[in-house]
């Protein structure tokens, strides 16, 4: 993997903001349920790594009543005036970045897949846990992203475009497509005890504009790698994007794995 730069770092802010809103609408309910299942309680100190637009920091502030630390290398979508969290523009791949600090709850989502050494980052986060704290890591298996029903017109073409985009993106070193199922092993290697790990995906039927933007803009960003590699043509991508935007095909989402870990 290339390093800490996010794959959409150079996307126009308005476009990326809408895409991230769709990501939140899609996955925040899953994250909330996992945090509640983990037994999150009032008064717990919290850290969010890769805070994005701040939805999980606001959620943690609501659930704990504390001011959350929101860490992100690109904090352009966070509000410095929001009293619910403190922004830190830092690189989590620096092992000294949180030296000596401890948190009861640490969360990251769609983070490790972009990093060249996810195990090193997990070890850093493990050092930041209190003895009774927990780390919730959420990472995908992108391979389940495909047309849901092969009998629908255009389904095979859409699935092929997604598959080519994912393969080229991983080959270009942008991210790992299937780090989610590896979370228990990585967390164990980081010296943590894994108490739960499960994956969630869904089939989309009708979506609001933000969710559609999340799906179509994500595909457009990753498909650029396939076009560069020559495994996909711009007309093929345009056809696939049209199928998504017009909601003519049901699509299976990536599977988002959530792993809950504690100090031994």
C-alpha atoms as a PDB file:
ATOM      1  CA  UNK A   1       0.000   0.000   0.000  1.00  0.00           C
ATOM      2  CA  UNK A   2       1.198   3.503  -0.770  1.00  0.00           C
ATOM      3  CA  UNK A   3       0.912   4.990   2.713  1.00  0.00           C
ATOM      4  CA  UNK A   4      -1.359   7.194   4.755  1.00  0.00           C
ATOM      5  CA  UNK A   5      -2.877   9.253   1.907  1.00  0.00           C
ATOM      6  CA  UNK A   6      -6.588   8.580   1.570  1.00  0.00           C
ATOM      7  CA  UNK A   7      -7.720   7.320  -1.834  1.00  0.00           C
ATOM      8  CA  UNK A   8     -10.190  10.230  -2.199  1.00  0.00           C
ATOM      9  CA  UNK A   9      -7.871  12.905  -0.813  1.00  0.00           C
ATOM     10  CA  UNK A  10      -7.900  14.865  -4.062  1.00  0.00           C
ATOM     11  CA  UNK A  11     -11.625  14.620  -4.769  1.00  0.00           C
ATOM     12  CA  UNK A  12     -13.453  17.979  -4.823  1.00  0.00           C
ATOM     13  CA  UNK A  13     -14.653  18.826  -1.334  1.00  0.00           C
ATOM     14  CA  UNK A  14     -18.354  19.101  -2.226  1.00  0.00           C
ATOM     15  CA  UNK A  15     -18.306  15.759  -4.017  1.00  0.00           C
ATOM     16  CA  UNK A  16     -16.382  14.008  -1.265  1.00  0.00           C
ATOM     17  CA  UNK A  17     -18.589  15.503   1.433  1.00  0.00           C
ATOM     18  CA  UNK A  18     -21.674  14.030  -0.232  1.00  0.00           C
ATOM     19  CA  UNK A  19     -19.947  10.663  -0.674  1.00  0.00           C
ATOM     20  CA  UNK A  20     -18.994  10.581   3.003  1.00  0.00           C
ATOM     21  CA  UNK A  21     -22.549  11.491   3.962  1.00  0.00           C
ATOM     22  CA  UNK A  22     -23.722   8.427   2.048  1.00  0.00           C
ATOM     23  CA  UNK A  23     -21.107   6.306   3.816  1.00  0.00           C
ATOM     24  CA  UNK A  24     -22.438   7.511   7.177  1.00  0.00           C
ATOM     25  CA  UNK A  25     -26.070   6.842   6.263  1.00  0.00           C
ATOM     26  CA  UNK A  26     -25.088   3.359   5.111  1.00  0.00           C
ATOM     27  CA  UNK A  27     -22.812   2.236   7.925  1.00  0.00           C
ATOM     28  CA  UNK A  28     -23.404   4.385  11.034  1.00  0.00           C
ATOM     29  CA  UNK A  29     -26.403   2.302  12.206  1.00  0.00           C
ATOM     30  CA  UNK A  30     -24.176  -0.797  12.116  1.00  0.00           C
ATOM     31  CA  UNK A  31     -21.440   0.972  14.063  1.00  0.00           C
ATOM     32  CA  UNK A  32     -23.929   2.261  16.648  1.00  0.00           C
ATOM     33  CA  UNK A  33     -25.286  -1.227  17.230  1.00  0.00           C
ATOM     34  CA  UNK A  34     -21.762  -2.610  17.660  1.00  0.00           C
ATOM     35  CA  UNK A  35     -20.831   0.088  20.168  1.00  0.00           C
ATOM     36  CA  UNK A  36     -23.966  -0.577  22.198  1.00  0.00           C
ATOM     37  CA  UNK A  37     -23.325  -4.335  22.086  1.00  0.00           C
ATOM     38  CA  UNK A  38     -19.808  -3.649  23.394  1.00  0.00           C
ATOM     39  CA  UNK A  39     -21.297  -2.025  26.489  1.00  0.00           C
ATOM     40  CA  UNK A  40     -20.272   1.561  25.941  1.00  0.00           C
ATOM     41  CA  UNK A  41     -21.137   3.691  28.965  1.00  0.00           C
ATOM     42  CA  UNK A  42     -21.221   7.271  30.180  1.00  0.00           C
ATOM     43  CA  UNK A  43     -17.979   8.879  31.231  1.00  0.00           C
ATOM     44  CA  UNK A  44     -15.754   6.813  28.943  1.00  0.00           C
ATOM     45  CA  UNK A  45     -12.900   8.629  27.206  1.00  0.00           C
ATOM     46  CA  UNK A  46     -12.991   8.123  23.428  1.00  0.00           C
ATOM     47  CA  UNK A  47     -10.723   8.346  20.399  1.00  0.00           C
ATOM     48  CA  UNK A  48     -11.834   8.129  16.761  1.00  0.00           C
ATOM     49  CA  UNK A  49      -9.061   7.525  14.228  1.00  0.00           C
ATOM     50  CA  UNK A  50      -9.998   8.620  10.729  1.00  0.00           C
ATOM     51  CA  UNK A  51     -12.889  10.812  11.845  1.00  0.00           C
ATOM     52  CA  UNK A  52     -14.168  11.800   8.386  1.00  0.00           C
ATOM     53  CA  UNK A  53     -17.181  14.121   8.763  1.00  0.00           C
ATOM     54  CA  UNK A  54     -17.366  13.452  12.493  1.00  0.00           C
ATOM     55  CA  UNK A  55     -20.491  11.310  12.689  1.00  0.00           C
ATOM     56  CA  UNK A  56     -18.925   8.663  14.941  1.00  0.00           C
ATOM     57  CA  UNK A  57     -17.278  11.283  17.142  1.00  0.00           C
ATOM     58  CA  UNK A  58     -20.688  12.890  17.649  1.00  0.00           C
ATOM     59  CA  UNK A  59     -22.234   9.479  18.305  1.00  0.00           C
ATOM     60  CA  UNK A  60     -19.602   8.646  20.933  1.00  0.00           C
ATOM     61  CA  UNK A  61     -20.083  12.042  22.563  1.00  0.00           C
ATOM     62  CA  UNK A  62     -23.820  11.325  22.750  1.00  0.00           C
ATOM     63  CA  UNK A  63     -23.323   7.854  24.239  1.00  0.00           C
ATOM     64  CA  UNK A  64     -20.641   8.804  26.775  1.00  0.00           C
ATOM     65  CA  UNK A  65     -21.234  12.471  27.559  1.00  0.00           C
ATOM     66  CA  UNK A  66     -17.523  13.155  27.077  1.00  0.00           C
ATOM     67  CA  UNK A  67     -15.540  15.272  24.617  1.00  0.00           C
ATOM     68  CA  UNK A  68     -14.130  12.912  22.008  1.00  0.00           C
ATOM     69  CA  UNK A  69     -10.708  13.150  20.386  1.00  0.00           C
ATOM     70  CA  UNK A  70     -11.151  13.140  16.578  1.00  0.00           C
ATOM     71  CA  UNK A  71      -7.932  12.286  14.772  1.00  0.00           C
ATOM     72  CA  UNK A  72      -7.627  12.649  11.001  1.00  0.00           C
ATOM     73  CA  UNK A  73      -4.880  13.437   8.540  1.00  0.00           C
ATOM     74  CA  UNK A  74      -7.446  15.398   6.484  1.00  0.00           C
ATOM     75  CA  UNK A  75      -9.827  17.173   8.913  1.00  0.00           C
ATOM     76  CA  UNK A  76     -11.458  19.447   6.301  1.00  0.00           C
ATOM     77  CA  UNK A  77     -14.938  18.032   7.006  1.00  0.00           C
ATOM     78  CA  UNK A  78     -14.720  18.439  10.799  1.00  0.00           C
ATOM     79  CA  UNK A  79     -16.071  21.499  12.575  1.00  0.00           C
ATOM     80  CA  UNK A  80     -13.501  23.128  14.884  1.00  0.00           C
ATOM     81  CA  UNK A  81     -16.332  24.958  16.647  1.00  0.00           C
ATOM     82  CA  UNK A  82     -18.156  21.756  17.627  1.00  0.00           C
ATOM     83  CA  UNK A  83     -17.765  21.368  21.415  1.00  0.00           C
ATOM     84  CA  UNK A  84     -18.380  17.614  21.259  1.00  0.00           C
ATOM     85  CA  UNK A  85     -14.926  16.775  19.939  1.00  0.00           C
ATOM     86  CA  UNK A  86     -11.345  18.010  19.757  1.00  0.00           C
ATOM     87  CA  UNK A  87      -9.690  17.818  16.334  1.00  0.00           C
ATOM     88  CA  UNK A  88      -6.151  16.572  15.923  1.00  0.00           C
ATOM     89  CA  UNK A  89      -4.601  16.640  12.453  1.00  0.00           C
ATOM     90  CA  UNK A  90      -2.123  13.824  12.927  1.00  0.00           C
ATOM     91  CA  UNK A  91      -0.728  10.799  11.105  1.00  0.00           C
ATOM     92  CA  UNK A  92      -1.599   7.600  12.956  1.00  0.00           C
ATOM     93  CA  UNK A  93       1.221   5.749  11.179  1.00  0.00           C
ATOM     94  CA  UNK A  94       3.667   7.707  13.362  1.00  0.00           C
ATOM     95  CA  UNK A  95       4.120   5.394  16.387  1.00  0.00           C
ATOM     96  CA  UNK A  96       4.804   8.351  18.694  1.00  0.00           C
ATOM     97  CA  UNK A  97       1.649  10.269  17.761  1.00  0.00           C
ATOM     98  CA  UNK A  98      -0.364   9.341  20.888  1.00  0.00           C
ATOM     99  CA  UNK A  99       2.523   8.572  23.197  1.00  0.00           C
ATOM    100  CA  UNK A 100       1.397   8.208  26.791  1.00  0.00           C
ATOM    101  CA  UNK A 101      -2.307   8.831  26.154  1.00  0.00           C
ATOM    102  CA  UNK A 102      -4.978   6.291  27.159  1.00  0.00           C
ATOM    103  CA  UNK A 103      -8.595   5.923  26.079  1.00  0.00           C
ATOM    104  CA  UNK A 104     -11.476   3.705  27.197  1.00  0.00           C
ATOM    105  CA  UNK A 105     -12.953   3.458  23.693  1.00  0.00           C
ATOM    106  CA  UNK A 106     -11.075   3.592  20.383  1.00  0.00           C
ATOM    107  CA  UNK A 107     -12.798   3.314  17.012  1.00  0.00           C
ATOM    108  CA  UNK A 108     -11.635   3.228  13.412  1.00  0.00           C
ATOM    109  CA  UNK A 109     -13.493   2.364  10.199  1.00  0.00           C
ATOM    110  CA  UNK A 110     -12.229   1.981   6.625  1.00  0.00           C
ATOM    111  CA  UNK A 111      -8.772   2.930   7.886  1.00  0.00           C
ATOM    112  CA  UNK A 112      -6.478  -0.096   7.962  1.00  0.00           C
ATOM    113  CA  UNK A 113      -7.287  -1.068   4.373  1.00  0.00           C
ATOM    114  CA  UNK A 114      -5.391   2.034   3.185  1.00  0.00           C
ATOM    115  CA  UNK A 115      -2.254   1.590   5.302  1.00  0.00           C
ATOM    116  CA  UNK A 116       1.040   0.008   4.342  1.00  0.00           C
ATOM    117  CA  UNK A 117       1.491  -1.500   7.820  1.00  0.00           C
ATOM    118  CA  UNK A 118      -1.891  -1.993   9.519  1.00  0.00           C
ATOM    119  CA  UNK A 119      -0.378  -4.195  12.217  1.00  0.00           C
ATOM    120  CA  UNK A 120       1.917  -1.386  13.368  1.00  0.00           C
ATOM    121  CA  UNK A 121      -1.070   0.953  13.687  1.00  0.00           C
ATOM    122  CA  UNK A 122      -3.011  -1.650  15.669  1.00  0.00           C
ATOM    123  CA  UNK A 123      -0.052  -1.971  18.032  1.00  0.00           C
ATOM    124  CA  UNK A 124      -0.063   1.811  18.464  1.00  0.00           C
ATOM    125  CA  UNK A 125      -3.785   1.749  19.261  1.00  0.00           C
ATOM    126  CA  UNK A 126      -3.322  -1.161  21.666  1.00  0.00           C
ATOM    127  CA  UNK A 127      -0.830   0.933  23.641  1.00  0.00           C
ATOM    128  CA  UNK A 128      -3.501   3.641  23.933  1.00  0.00           C
ATOM    129  CA  UNK A 129      -6.154   1.431  25.539  1.00  0.00           C
ATOM    130  CA  UNK A 130      -6.955   1.571  29.230  1.00  0.00           C
ATOM    131  CA  UNK A 131      -6.981  -1.819  31.011  1.00  0.00           C
ATOM    132  CA  UNK A 132     -10.804  -1.945  30.888  1.00  0.00           C
ATOM    133  CA  UNK A 133     -11.197  -0.289  27.490  1.00  0.00           C
ATOM    134  CA  UNK A 134     -12.051  -1.686  24.083  1.00  0.00           C
ATOM    135  CA  UNK A 135     -11.077  -1.140  20.467  1.00  0.00           C
ATOM    136  CA  UNK A 136     -13.713  -1.455  17.722  1.00  0.00           C
ATOM    137  CA  UNK A 137     -12.162  -1.861  14.282  1.00  0.00           C
ATOM    138  CA  UNK A 138     -14.398  -1.953  11.189  1.00  0.00           C
ATOM    139  CA  UNK A 139     -12.910  -2.981   7.845  1.00  0.00           C
ATOM    140  CA  UNK A 140     -14.452  -4.390   4.667  1.00  0.00           C
ATOM    141  CA  UNK A 141     -14.345  -7.345   2.405  1.00  0.00           C
ATOM    142  CA  UNK A 142     -14.915  -5.493  -0.859  1.00  0.00           C
ATOM    143  CA  UNK A 143     -15.407  -8.691  -2.856  1.00  0.00           C
ATOM    144  CA  UNK A 144     -19.096  -9.011  -1.997  1.00  0.00           C
ATOM    145  CA  UNK A 145     -19.747  -5.722  -3.855  1.00  0.00           C
ATOM    146  CA  UNK A 146     -21.580  -6.875  -7.004  1.00  0.00           C
ATOM    147  CA  UNK A 147     -24.940  -7.044  -8.732  1.00  0.00           C
ATOM    148  CA  UNK A 148     -27.341  -8.982  -6.537  1.00  0.00           C
ATOM    149  CA  UNK A 149     -29.298 -10.735  -9.276  1.00  0.00           C
ATOM    150  CA  UNK A 150     -27.361 -11.923 -12.360  1.00  0.00           C
ATOM    151  CA  UNK A 151     -30.625 -12.253 -14.285  1.00  0.00           C
ATOM    152  CA  UNK A 152     -31.198  -8.479 -14.299  1.00  0.00           C
ATOM    153  CA  UNK A 153     -30.233  -6.775 -17.587  1.00  0.00           C
ATOM    154  CA  UNK A 154     -26.746  -5.320 -17.261  1.00  0.00           C
ATOM    155  CA  UNK A 155     -25.938  -7.165 -14.042  1.00  0.00           C
ATOM    156  CA  UNK A 156     -22.992  -9.127 -15.433  1.00  0.00           C
ATOM    157  CA  UNK A 157     -21.466  -5.975 -16.898  1.00  0.00           C
ATOM    158  CA  UNK A 158     -21.833  -4.048 -13.660  1.00  0.00           C
ATOM    159  CA  UNK A 159     -20.258  -6.859 -11.646  1.00  0.00           C
ATOM    160  CA  UNK A 160     -17.372  -7.038 -14.107  1.00  0.00           C
ATOM    161  CA  UNK A 161     -16.726  -3.290 -13.847  1.00  0.00           C
ATOM    162  CA  UNK A 162     -16.714  -3.452 -10.048  1.00  0.00           C
ATOM    163  CA  UNK A 163     -14.438  -6.506 -10.086  1.00  0.00           C
ATOM    164  CA  UNK A 164     -11.948  -4.880 -12.490  1.00  0.00           C
ATOM    165  CA  UNK A 165     -11.978  -1.657 -10.458  1.00  0.00           C
ATOM    166  CA  UNK A 166     -11.253  -3.507  -7.212  1.00  0.00           C
ATOM    167  CA  UNK A 167      -8.499  -5.643  -8.707  1.00  0.00           C
ATOM    168  CA  UNK A 168      -6.755  -2.644 -10.280  1.00  0.00           C
ATOM    169  CA  UNK A 169      -7.076  -0.574  -7.117  1.00  0.00           C
ATOM    170  CA  UNK A 170      -5.395  -3.231  -5.000  1.00  0.00           C
ATOM    171  CA  UNK A 171      -2.748  -3.840  -7.664  1.00  0.00           C
ATOM    172  CA  UNK A 172      -1.977  -0.099  -7.698  1.00  0.00           C
ATOM    173  CA  UNK A 173      -1.300  -0.224  -3.953  1.00  0.00           C
ATOM    174  CA  UNK A 174      -4.222   2.016  -3.010  1.00  0.00           C
ATOM    175  CA  UNK A 175      -5.867  -0.369  -0.558  1.00  0.00           C
ATOM    176  CA  UNK A 176      -6.440  -3.991   0.430  1.00  0.00           C
ATOM    177  CA  UNK A 177      -9.764  -5.395  -0.743  1.00  0.00           C
ATOM    178  CA  UNK A 178     -10.284  -7.995   1.966  1.00  0.00           C
ATOM    179  CA  UNK A 179      -8.665  -6.950   5.235  1.00  0.00           C
ATOM    180  CA  UNK A 180     -11.956  -7.334   7.146  1.00  0.00           C
ATOM    181  CA  UNK A 181     -11.813 -11.141   7.541  1.00  0.00           C
ATOM    182  CA  UNK A 182      -8.183 -10.827   8.700  1.00  0.00           C
ATOM    183  CA  UNK A 183      -9.008  -8.596  11.662  1.00  0.00           C
ATOM    184  CA  UNK A 184      -9.014 -11.297  14.381  1.00  0.00           C
ATOM    185  CA  UNK A 185      -5.547 -12.475  13.396  1.00  0.00           C
ATOM    186  CA  UNK A 186      -4.151  -8.945  13.089  1.00  0.00           C
ATOM    187  CA  UNK A 187      -5.581  -7.900  16.444  1.00  0.00           C
ATOM    188  CA  UNK A 188      -4.147 -11.016  18.093  1.00  0.00           C
ATOM    189  CA  UNK A 189      -0.747 -10.256  16.563  1.00  0.00           C
ATOM    190  CA  UNK A 190      -1.041  -6.753  18.021  1.00  0.00           C
ATOM    191  CA  UNK A 191      -1.328  -8.299  21.487  1.00  0.00           C
ATOM    192  CA  UNK A 192      -5.069  -7.899  21.916  1.00  0.00           C
ATOM    193  CA  UNK A 193      -7.828 -10.325  22.885  1.00  0.00           C
ATOM    194  CA  UNK A 194     -10.641 -10.495  20.340  1.00  0.00           C
ATOM    195  CA  UNK A 195     -14.076 -10.995  21.892  1.00  0.00           C
ATOM    196  CA  UNK A 196     -16.241 -10.673  18.779  1.00  0.00           C
ATOM    197  CA  UNK A 197     -15.997 -10.387  15.011  1.00  0.00           C
ATOM    198  CA  UNK A 198     -18.885 -10.380  12.533  1.00  0.00           C
ATOM    199  CA  UNK A 199     -19.615  -9.038   9.080  1.00  0.00           C
ATOM    200  CA  UNK A 200     -22.648  -7.200   7.723  1.00  0.00           C
ATOM    201  CA  UNK A 201     -23.718  -6.534   4.154  1.00  0.00           C
ATOM    202  CA  UNK A 202     -27.028  -5.662   2.548  1.00  0.00           C
ATOM    203  CA  UNK A 203     -28.828  -5.532  -0.787  1.00  0.00           C
ATOM    204  CA  UNK A 204     -29.727  -2.068  -1.999  1.00  0.00           C
ATOM    205  CA  UNK A 205     -33.034  -1.499  -3.739  1.00  0.00           C
ATOM    206  CA  UNK A 206     -33.978   2.174  -3.649  1.00  0.00           C
ATOM    207  CA  UNK A 207     -31.614   4.763  -2.221  1.00  0.00           C
ATOM    208  CA  UNK A 208     -31.598   8.438  -1.347  1.00  0.00           C
ATOM    209  CA  UNK A 209     -29.229  10.828  -3.197  1.00  0.00           C
ATOM    210  CA  UNK A 210     -26.458  10.602  -0.597  1.00  0.00           C
ATOM    211  CA  UNK A 211     -26.334   6.799  -0.681  1.00  0.00           C
ATOM    212  CA  UNK A 212     -26.373   6.842  -4.483  1.00  0.00           C
ATOM    213  CA  UNK A 213     -23.513   9.342  -4.445  1.00  0.00           C
ATOM    214  CA  UNK A 214     -21.572   7.084  -2.069  1.00  0.00           C
ATOM    215  CA  UNK A 215     -21.948   4.093  -4.411  1.00  0.00           C
ATOM    216  CA  UNK A 216     -21.413   5.856  -7.731  1.00  0.00           C
ATOM    217  CA  UNK A 217     -18.597   8.179  -6.658  1.00  0.00           C
ATOM    218  CA  UNK A 218     -16.752   5.370  -4.870  1.00  0.00           C
ATOM    219  CA  UNK A 219     -16.917   3.272  -8.030  1.00  0.00           C
ATOM    220  CA  UNK A 220     -15.790   6.181 -10.166  1.00  0.00           C
ATOM    221  CA  UNK A 221     -12.767   6.800  -7.934  1.00  0.00           C
ATOM    222  CA  UNK A 222     -11.580   3.204  -7.846  1.00  0.00           C
ATOM    223  CA  UNK A 223     -12.390   2.503 -11.517  1.00  0.00           C
ATOM    224  CA  UNK A 224      -9.885   5.189 -12.524  1.00  0.00           C
ATOM    225  CA  UNK A 225      -7.183   2.677 -11.581  1.00  0.00           C
ATOM    226  CA  UNK A 226      -8.665   0.067 -13.936  1.00  0.00           C
ATOM    227  CA  UNK A 227      -8.886   2.573 -16.781  1.00  0.00           C
ATOM    228  CA  UNK A 228      -5.241   3.496 -16.232  1.00  0.00           C
ATOM    229  CA  UNK A 229      -4.311  -0.196 -16.219  1.00  0.00           C
ATOM    230  CA  UNK A 230      -6.264  -0.804 -19.440  1.00  0.00           C
ATOM    231  CA  UNK A 231      -8.603  -3.405 -17.966  1.00  0.00           C
ATOM    232  CA  UNK A 232     -11.631  -1.112 -18.238  1.00  0.00           C
ATOM    233  CA  UNK A 233     -12.779   1.494 -20.743  1.00  0.00           C
ATOM    234  CA  UNK A 234     -14.505   4.805 -19.966  1.00  0.00           C
ATOM    235  CA  UNK A 235     -17.691   3.734 -21.829  1.00  0.00           C
ATOM    236  CA  UNK A 236     -17.889   0.557 -19.723  1.00  0.00           C
ATOM    237  CA  UNK A 237     -17.592   2.641 -16.563  1.00  0.00           C
ATOM    238  CA  UNK A 238     -20.207   5.131 -17.773  1.00  0.00           C
ATOM    239  CA  UNK A 239     -22.654   2.292 -18.415  1.00  0.00           C
ATOM    240  CA  UNK A 240     -22.080   0.856 -14.929  1.00  0.00           C
ATOM    241  CA  UNK A 241     -22.476   4.257 -13.283  1.00  0.00           C
ATOM    242  CA  UNK A 242     -25.725   4.788 -15.167  1.00  0.00           C
ATOM    243  CA  UNK A 243     -27.100   1.495 -13.855  1.00  0.00           C
ATOM    244  CA  UNK A 244     -26.289   2.546 -10.286  1.00  0.00           C
ATOM    245  CA  UNK A 245     -27.596   6.091 -10.579  1.00  0.00           C
ATOM    246  CA  UNK A 246     -30.817   5.002 -12.301  1.00  0.00           C
ATOM    247  CA  UNK A 247     -31.262   2.244  -9.674  1.00  0.00           C
ATOM    248  CA  UNK A 248     -32.016  -0.303 -12.359  1.00  0.00           C
ATOM    249  CA  UNK A 249     -30.045  -3.060 -10.642  1.00  0.00           C
ATOM    250  CA  UNK A 250     -30.021  -4.334  -7.052  1.00  0.00           C
ATOM    251  CA  UNK A 251     -26.491  -4.303  -5.644  1.00  0.00           C
ATOM    252  CA  UNK A 252     -24.887  -6.236  -2.793  1.00  0.00           C
ATOM    253  CA  UNK A 253     -22.733  -3.970  -0.661  1.00  0.00           C
ATOM    254  CA  UNK A 254     -19.218  -4.726   0.534  1.00  0.00           C
ATOM    255  CA  UNK A 255     -19.251  -6.661   3.812  1.00  0.00           C
ATOM    256  CA  UNK A 256     -18.192  -4.511   6.746  1.00  0.00           C
ATOM    257  CA  UNK A 257     -16.538  -6.622   9.450  1.00  0.00           C
ATOM    258  CA  UNK A 258     -16.457  -5.339  12.990  1.00  0.00           C
ATOM    259  CA  UNK A 259     -13.958  -6.737  15.465  1.00  0.00           C
ATOM    260  CA  UNK A 260     -14.037  -5.947  19.176  1.00  0.00           C
ATOM    261  CA  UNK A 261     -10.747  -6.260  21.055  1.00  0.00           C
ATOM    262  CA  UNK A 262      -9.427  -5.707  24.585  1.00  0.00           C
ATOM    263  CA  UNK A 263      -6.118  -5.894  26.385  1.00  0.00           C
ATOM    264  CA  UNK A 264      -5.362  -9.456  27.570  1.00  0.00           C
END
